[in-house]
Amino acid sequence: MSPKFEKVKGYYEDGLWNKTMVKNAVKKGWITAAEYKIITGEKYTK
């Protein structure tokens, strides 16, 4: 898992971040596209 995976996942699950914000975390390299799917349940698309 990426170092920031748990932090991003927590923000999303707590309702602090939406899917767009999680997608931005992928773009910044904080998490991977595969981790995006784990967090949101949806396939990552650019």
N, C-alpha and C. Protein backbone atom coordinates (compact mmCIF):
# COMPACT_ATOMS: atom_id res chain seq x y z
N MET A 1 0.84 -1.20 0.00
CA MET A 1 0.00 0.00 0.00
C MET A 1 0.88 1.26 0.00
N SER A 2 0.38 2.26 -0.63
CA SER A 2 1.08 3.54 -0.65
C SER A 2 1.10 4.14 0.75
N PRO A 3 2.13 4.93 1.04
CA PRO A 3 2.22 5.52 2.39
C PRO A 3 1.00 6.34 2.81
N LYS A 4 0.34 6.98 1.87
CA LYS A 4 -0.80 7.84 2.22
C LYS A 4 -2.16 7.16 2.01
N PHE A 5 -2.14 5.86 1.68
CA PHE A 5 -3.38 5.15 1.40
C PHE A 5 -4.38 5.25 2.56
N GLU A 6 -3.95 4.91 3.75
CA GLU A 6 -4.87 4.90 4.90
C GLU A 6 -5.44 6.30 5.17
N LYS A 7 -4.61 7.31 5.00
CA LYS A 7 -5.07 8.69 5.23
C LYS A 7 -6.15 9.08 4.22
N VAL A 8 -5.88 8.81 2.94
CA VAL A 8 -6.85 9.13 1.88
C VAL A 8 -8.13 8.34 2.09
N LYS A 9 -7.99 7.05 2.38
CA LYS A 9 -9.15 6.18 2.61
C LYS A 9 -10.00 6.70 3.77
N GLY A 10 -9.34 7.11 4.83
CA GLY A 10 -10.05 7.64 5.99
C GLY A 10 -10.80 8.92 5.67
N TYR A 11 -10.17 9.81 4.94
CA TYR A 11 -10.83 11.06 4.55
C TYR A 11 -12.08 10.77 3.72
N TYR A 12 -11.97 9.82 2.78
CA TYR A 12 -13.11 9.48 1.93
C TYR A 12 -14.23 8.84 2.75
N GLU A 13 -13.87 7.90 3.58
CA GLU A 13 -14.88 7.19 4.39
C GLU A 13 -15.56 8.11 5.40
N ASP A 14 -14.85 9.11 5.87
CA ASP A 14 -15.43 10.06 6.83
C ASP A 14 -16.23 11.16 6.15
N GLY A 15 -16.25 11.14 4.81
CA GLY A 15 -17.02 12.14 4.07
C GLY A 15 -16.31 13.47 3.91
N LEU A 16 -15.03 13.50 4.24
CA LEU A 16 -14.28 14.74 4.11
C LEU A 16 -13.79 14.96 2.68
N TRP A 17 -13.60 13.86 1.96
CA TRP A 17 -13.17 13.92 0.56
C TRP A 17 -14.21 13.25 -0.32
N ASN A 18 -14.38 13.77 -1.55
CA ASN A 18 -15.24 13.12 -2.52
C ASN A 18 -14.36 12.37 -3.53
N LYS A 19 -14.98 11.74 -4.51
CA LYS A 19 -14.23 10.93 -5.48
C LYS A 19 -13.24 11.77 -6.29
N THR A 20 -13.60 12.99 -6.58
CA THR A 20 -12.69 13.87 -7.34
C THR A 20 -11.42 14.12 -6.54
N MET A 21 -11.57 14.31 -5.26
CA MET A 21 -10.40 14.55 -4.41
C MET A 21 -9.52 13.30 -4.33
N VAL A 22 -10.14 12.14 -4.27
CA VAL A 22 -9.38 10.89 -4.25
C VAL A 22 -8.66 10.72 -5.59
N LYS A 23 -9.33 11.07 -6.67
CA LYS A 23 -8.73 11.00 -8.01
C LYS A 23 -7.51 11.92 -8.09
N ASN A 24 -7.61 13.08 -7.48
CA ASN A 24 -6.47 14.00 -7.45
C ASN A 24 -5.30 13.41 -6.68
N ALA A 25 -5.59 12.61 -5.67
CA ALA A 25 -4.53 11.94 -4.92
C ALA A 25 -3.77 10.96 -5.82
N VAL A 26 -4.48 10.32 -6.76
CA VAL A 26 -3.82 9.44 -7.72
C VAL A 26 -2.91 10.27 -8.63
N LYS A 27 -3.44 11.38 -9.12
CA LYS A 27 -2.66 12.25 -10.02
C LYS A 27 -1.40 12.77 -9.35
N LYS A 28 -1.47 13.01 -8.05
CA LYS A 28 -0.32 13.51 -7.31
C LYS A 28 0.65 12.40 -6.91
N GLY A 29 0.25 11.15 -7.16
CA GLY A 29 1.11 10.04 -6.82
C GLY A 29 1.02 9.58 -5.38
N TRP A 30 0.01 10.07 -4.67
CA TRP A 30 -0.16 9.68 -3.27
C TRP A 30 -0.66 8.25 -3.15
N ILE A 31 -1.54 7.83 -4.08
CA ILE A 31 -2.08 6.47 -4.12
C ILE A 31 -2.06 6.00 -5.56
N THR A 32 -2.25 4.71 -5.76
CA THR A 32 -2.28 4.16 -7.12
C THR A 32 -3.72 4.08 -7.63
N ALA A 33 -3.84 3.81 -8.93
CA ALA A 33 -5.17 3.64 -9.52
C ALA A 33 -5.88 2.43 -8.90
N ALA A 34 -5.12 1.40 -8.60
CA ALA A 34 -5.71 0.21 -7.96
C ALA A 34 -6.23 0.55 -6.57
N GLU A 35 -5.52 1.39 -5.86
CA GLU A 35 -5.97 1.82 -4.52
C GLU A 35 -7.20 2.72 -4.62
N TYR A 36 -7.29 3.49 -5.70
CA TYR A 36 -8.50 4.30 -5.93
C TYR A 36 -9.72 3.39 -5.97
N LYS A 37 -9.59 2.26 -6.68
CA LYS A 37 -10.71 1.31 -6.79
C LYS A 37 -11.05 0.71 -5.43
N ILE A 38 -10.03 0.40 -4.63
CA ILE A 38 -10.27 -0.13 -3.29
C ILE A 38 -11.05 0.88 -2.45
N ILE A 39 -10.68 2.13 -2.54
CA ILE A 39 -11.30 3.17 -1.73
C ILE A 39 -12.72 3.50 -2.19
N THR A 40 -12.89 3.70 -3.50
CA THR A 40 -14.18 4.18 -4.01
C THR A 40 -15.09 3.08 -4.54
N GLY A 41 -14.50 1.93 -4.88
CA GLY A 41 -15.29 0.85 -5.48
C GLY A 41 -15.50 1.03 -6.97
N GLU A 42 -14.86 2.04 -7.55
CA GLU A 42 -14.99 2.30 -8.97
C GLU A 42 -13.62 2.28 -9.63
N LYS A 43 -13.59 1.89 -10.91
CA LYS A 43 -12.34 1.87 -11.66
C LYS A 43 -11.86 3.31 -11.87
N TYR A 44 -10.56 3.53 -11.74
CA TYR A 44 -9.98 4.85 -11.97
C TYR A 44 -9.95 5.16 -13.45
N THR A 45 -10.47 6.31 -13.82
CA THR A 45 -10.37 6.82 -15.19
C THR A 45 -9.86 8.24 -15.12
N LYS A 46 -9.05 8.59 -16.11
CA LYS A 46 -8.49 9.94 -16.14
C LYS A 46 -9.56 10.86 -16.55
